[in-house]
Amino acid sequence: MNTNIALKEALDPLLPGRAAPVEYTGKSPEYIVWNHSMIPEVFAEGIPHAARYLVQVHYYLPNGKNPDPMKVRICQALMAADFTCPSIQDATEAEGQHYVFECEYLNAGPAYGED
């Protein structure tokens, strides 16, 4: 499955309309965005037949709001969608809270042209 589609299907139900690839353009202070890099895998005759995606999911929310319930839900949603169990880094700044979830996704289809 296309990685962006898999991420959208996993994360959009958590914050409907506030989960997007790369950039959120809405006005809500609580939202999720993601980005990823692709590494070709499973070579045969010099051609990659799968791709491993290194994924970062960014959860933003206002200072003072408890992030813990959503952090658990994001981890559960990613793992249910066949992403690896994510690590979580706190990248909070004065402007608001920011949590980075890093995980991987294996796409067994063609390595190029899917995302």
C-alpha atoms as a PDB file:
ATOM      1  CA  MET A   1       0.000   0.000   0.000  1.00  0.00           C
ATOM      2  CA  ASN A   2       1.109   3.554  -0.647  1.00  0.00           C
ATOM      3  CA  THR A   3       2.781   4.879   2.505  1.00  0.00           C
ATOM      4  CA  ASN A   4       0.935   8.201   2.510  1.00  0.00           C
ATOM      5  CA  ILE A   5      -2.400   6.405   2.175  1.00  0.00           C
ATOM      6  CA  ALA A   6      -1.503   4.017   5.006  1.00  0.00           C
ATOM      7  CA  LEU A   7      -0.538   6.948   7.242  1.00  0.00           C
ATOM      8  CA  LYS A   8      -3.665   8.954   6.370  1.00  0.00           C
ATOM      9  CA  GLU A   9      -5.918   5.961   7.070  1.00  0.00           C
ATOM     10  CA  ALA A  10      -4.165   5.298  10.389  1.00  0.00           C
ATOM     11  CA  LEU A  11      -3.903   8.872  11.690  1.00  0.00           C
ATOM     12  CA  ASP A  12      -6.842  10.858  10.315  1.00  0.00           C
ATOM     13  CA  PRO A  13      -9.411   9.123  12.565  1.00  0.00           C
ATOM     14  CA  LEU A  14      -7.454  10.364  15.595  1.00  0.00           C
ATOM     15  CA  LEU A  15      -7.862  14.044  14.628  1.00  0.00           C
ATOM     16  CA  PRO A  16     -10.309  14.108  11.692  1.00  0.00           C
ATOM     17  CA  GLY A  17      -9.269  16.642   9.074  1.00  0.00           C
ATOM     18  CA  ARG A  18      -6.145  17.542  11.040  1.00  0.00           C
ATOM     19  CA  ALA A  19      -3.686  14.879   9.806  1.00  0.00           C
ATOM     20  CA  ALA A  20      -1.702  15.587   6.653  1.00  0.00           C
ATOM     21  CA  PRO A  21       1.532  14.769   4.861  1.00  0.00           C
ATOM     22  CA  VAL A  22       4.325  17.325   5.385  1.00  0.00           C
ATOM     23  CA  GLU A  23       2.246  20.438   6.164  1.00  0.00           C
ATOM     24  CA  TYR A  24      -1.040  21.131   7.931  1.00  0.00           C
ATOM     25  CA  THR A  25      -2.696  24.276   6.583  1.00  0.00           C
ATOM     26  CA  GLY A  26      -5.670  24.455   8.929  1.00  0.00           C
ATOM     27  CA  LYS A  27      -6.137  26.691  11.945  1.00  0.00           C
ATOM     28  CA  SER A  28      -6.339  24.155  14.784  1.00  0.00           C
ATOM     29  CA  PRO A  29      -3.426  24.247  17.268  1.00  0.00           C
ATOM     30  CA  GLU A  30      -3.628  20.438  17.585  1.00  0.00           C
ATOM     31  CA  TYR A  31      -2.685  18.447  14.487  1.00  0.00           C
ATOM     32  CA  ILE A  32      -0.527  15.655  13.038  1.00  0.00           C
ATOM     33  CA  VAL A  33       1.835  15.795  10.062  1.00  0.00           C
ATOM     34  CA  TRP A  34       4.276  13.230   8.705  1.00  0.00           C
ATOM     35  CA  ASN A  35       7.218  12.811   6.378  1.00  0.00           C
ATOM     36  CA  HIS A  36       9.238   9.819   5.237  1.00  0.00           C
ATOM     37  CA  SER A  37      12.346   8.673   3.385  1.00  0.00           C
ATOM     38  CA  MET A  38      12.499   5.583   1.168  1.00  0.00           C
ATOM     39  CA  ILE A  39      15.283   2.981   1.126  1.00  0.00           C
ATOM     40  CA  PRO A  40      15.178   0.383  -1.683  1.00  0.00           C
ATOM     41  CA  GLU A  41      15.225  -3.246  -0.465  1.00  0.00           C
ATOM     42  CA  VAL A  42      15.038  -6.847  -1.743  1.00  0.00           C
ATOM     43  CA  PHE A  43      17.157  -6.615  -4.877  1.00  0.00           C
ATOM     44  CA  ALA A  44      16.954  -9.119  -7.718  1.00  0.00           C
ATOM     45  CA  GLU A  45      18.916  -8.558 -10.921  1.00  0.00           C
ATOM     46  CA  GLY A  46      19.866  -5.122  -9.622  1.00  0.00           C
ATOM     47  CA  ILE A  47      16.256  -4.000  -9.260  1.00  0.00           C
ATOM     48  CA  PRO A  48      14.632  -3.234  -5.887  1.00  0.00           C
ATOM     49  CA  HIS A  49      11.409  -5.158  -5.335  1.00  0.00           C
ATOM     50  CA  ALA A  50      10.466  -3.590  -2.004  1.00  0.00           C
ATOM     51  CA  ALA A  51      11.028  -0.392  -0.099  1.00  0.00           C
ATOM     52  CA  ARG A  52      11.592   0.363   3.553  1.00  0.00           C
ATOM     53  CA  TYR A  53      10.248   3.725   4.653  1.00  0.00           C
ATOM     54  CA  LEU A  54      11.728   5.663   7.562  1.00  0.00           C
ATOM     55  CA  VAL A  55       8.738   7.567   8.908  1.00  0.00           C
ATOM     56  CA  GLN A  56       8.421  10.571  11.189  1.00  0.00           C
ATOM     57  CA  VAL A  57       5.010  11.497  12.578  1.00  0.00           C
ATOM     58  CA  HIS A  58       4.793  14.911  14.276  1.00  0.00           C
ATOM     59  CA  TYR A  59       2.087  15.610  16.845  1.00  0.00           C
ATOM     60  CA  TYR A  60       1.567  19.292  17.728  1.00  0.00           C
ATOM     61  CA  LEU A  61      -0.642  20.629  20.511  1.00  0.00           C
ATOM     62  CA  PRO A  62      -0.873  23.654  22.794  1.00  0.00           C
ATOM     63  CA  ASN A  63       1.164  23.947  25.964  1.00  0.00           C
ATOM     64  CA  GLY A  64      -0.782  22.838  29.029  1.00  0.00           C
ATOM     65  CA  LYS A  65      -2.801  20.114  27.288  1.00  0.00           C
ATOM     66  CA  ASN A  66      -2.055  16.526  28.382  1.00  0.00           C
ATOM     67  CA  PRO A  67      -0.442  14.740  25.381  1.00  0.00           C
ATOM     68  CA  ASP A  68      -0.315  11.260  26.908  1.00  0.00           C
ATOM     69  CA  PRO A  69      -3.669   9.825  25.739  1.00  0.00           C
ATOM     70  CA  MET A  70      -3.023  10.876  22.131  1.00  0.00           C
ATOM     71  CA  LYS A  71       0.574   9.630  22.227  1.00  0.00           C
ATOM     72  CA  VAL A  72      -0.747   6.171  23.141  1.00  0.00           C
ATOM     73  CA  ARG A  73      -3.415   6.345  20.420  1.00  0.00           C
ATOM     74  CA  ILE A  74      -0.849   7.371  17.772  1.00  0.00           C
ATOM     75  CA  CYS A  75       1.415   4.435  18.703  1.00  0.00           C
ATOM     76  CA  GLN A  76      -1.517   2.017  18.634  1.00  0.00           C
ATOM     77  CA  ALA A  77      -2.754   3.340  15.277  1.00  0.00           C
ATOM     78  CA  LEU A  78       0.681   3.047  13.664  1.00  0.00           C
ATOM     79  CA  MET A  79       1.253  -0.499  14.892  1.00  0.00           C
ATOM     80  CA  ALA A  80      -2.271  -1.555  13.838  1.00  0.00           C
ATOM     81  CA  ALA A  81      -1.420  -0.287  10.324  1.00  0.00           C
ATOM     82  CA  ASP A  82       1.747  -2.463  10.183  1.00  0.00           C
ATOM     83  CA  PHE A  83       4.256   0.244  11.057  1.00  0.00           C
ATOM     84  CA  THR A  84       6.935  -0.701  13.576  1.00  0.00           C
ATOM     85  CA  CYS A  85       6.552   0.333  17.209  1.00  0.00           C
ATOM     86  CA  PRO A  86       7.604   4.006  17.189  1.00  0.00           C
ATOM     87  CA  SER A  87      10.159   5.726  19.338  1.00  0.00           C
ATOM     88  CA  ILE A  88       8.981   9.094  20.693  1.00  0.00           C
ATOM     89  CA  GLN A  89      11.054  12.243  21.052  1.00  0.00           C
ATOM     90  CA  ASP A  90       9.903  15.391  22.827  1.00  0.00           C
ATOM     91  CA  ALA A  91      10.674  18.389  20.598  1.00  0.00           C
ATOM     92  CA  THR A  92       8.525  20.861  22.564  1.00  0.00           C
ATOM     93  CA  GLU A  93       9.351  24.558  22.319  1.00  0.00           C
ATOM     94  CA  ALA A  94       7.971  27.704  23.923  1.00  0.00           C
ATOM     95  CA  GLU A  95       5.322  28.025  21.169  1.00  0.00           C
ATOM     96  CA  GLY A  96       3.760  24.648  21.920  1.00  0.00           C
ATOM     97  CA  GLN A  97       4.223  20.941  22.436  1.00  0.00           C
ATOM     98  CA  HIS A  98       5.722  18.818  19.643  1.00  0.00           C
ATOM     99  CA  TYR A  99       6.285  15.059  19.758  1.00  0.00           C
ATOM    100  CA  VAL A 100       8.117  13.128  17.045  1.00  0.00           C
ATOM    101  CA  PHE A 101       7.281   9.453  16.484  1.00  0.00           C
ATOM    102  CA  GLU A 102       9.861   7.547  14.427  1.00  0.00           C
ATOM    103  CA  CYS A 103       9.025   4.174  12.917  1.00  0.00           C
ATOM    104  CA  GLU A 104       9.436   2.086   9.769  1.00  0.00           C
ATOM    105  CA  TYR A 105       7.125   0.663   7.136  1.00  0.00           C
ATOM    106  CA  LEU A 106       7.902  -2.065   4.599  1.00  0.00           C
ATOM    107  CA  ASN A 107       6.199  -1.828   1.229  1.00  0.00           C
ATOM    108  CA  ALA A 108       6.519  -5.120  -0.627  1.00  0.00           C
ATOM    109  CA  GLY A 109       5.452  -3.595  -3.947  1.00  0.00           C
ATOM    110  CA  PRO A 110       7.679  -1.856  -6.469  1.00  0.00           C
ATOM    111  CA  ALA A 111      10.229   0.362  -4.733  1.00  0.00           C
ATOM    112  CA  TYR A 112       9.766   3.261  -7.135  1.00  0.00           C
ATOM    113  CA  GLY A 113       6.613   4.918  -8.346  1.00  0.00           C
ATOM    114  CA  GLU A 114       4.440   4.081  -5.337  1.00  0.00           C
ATOM    115  CA  ASP A 115       4.918   7.225  -3.267  1.00  0.00           C
END
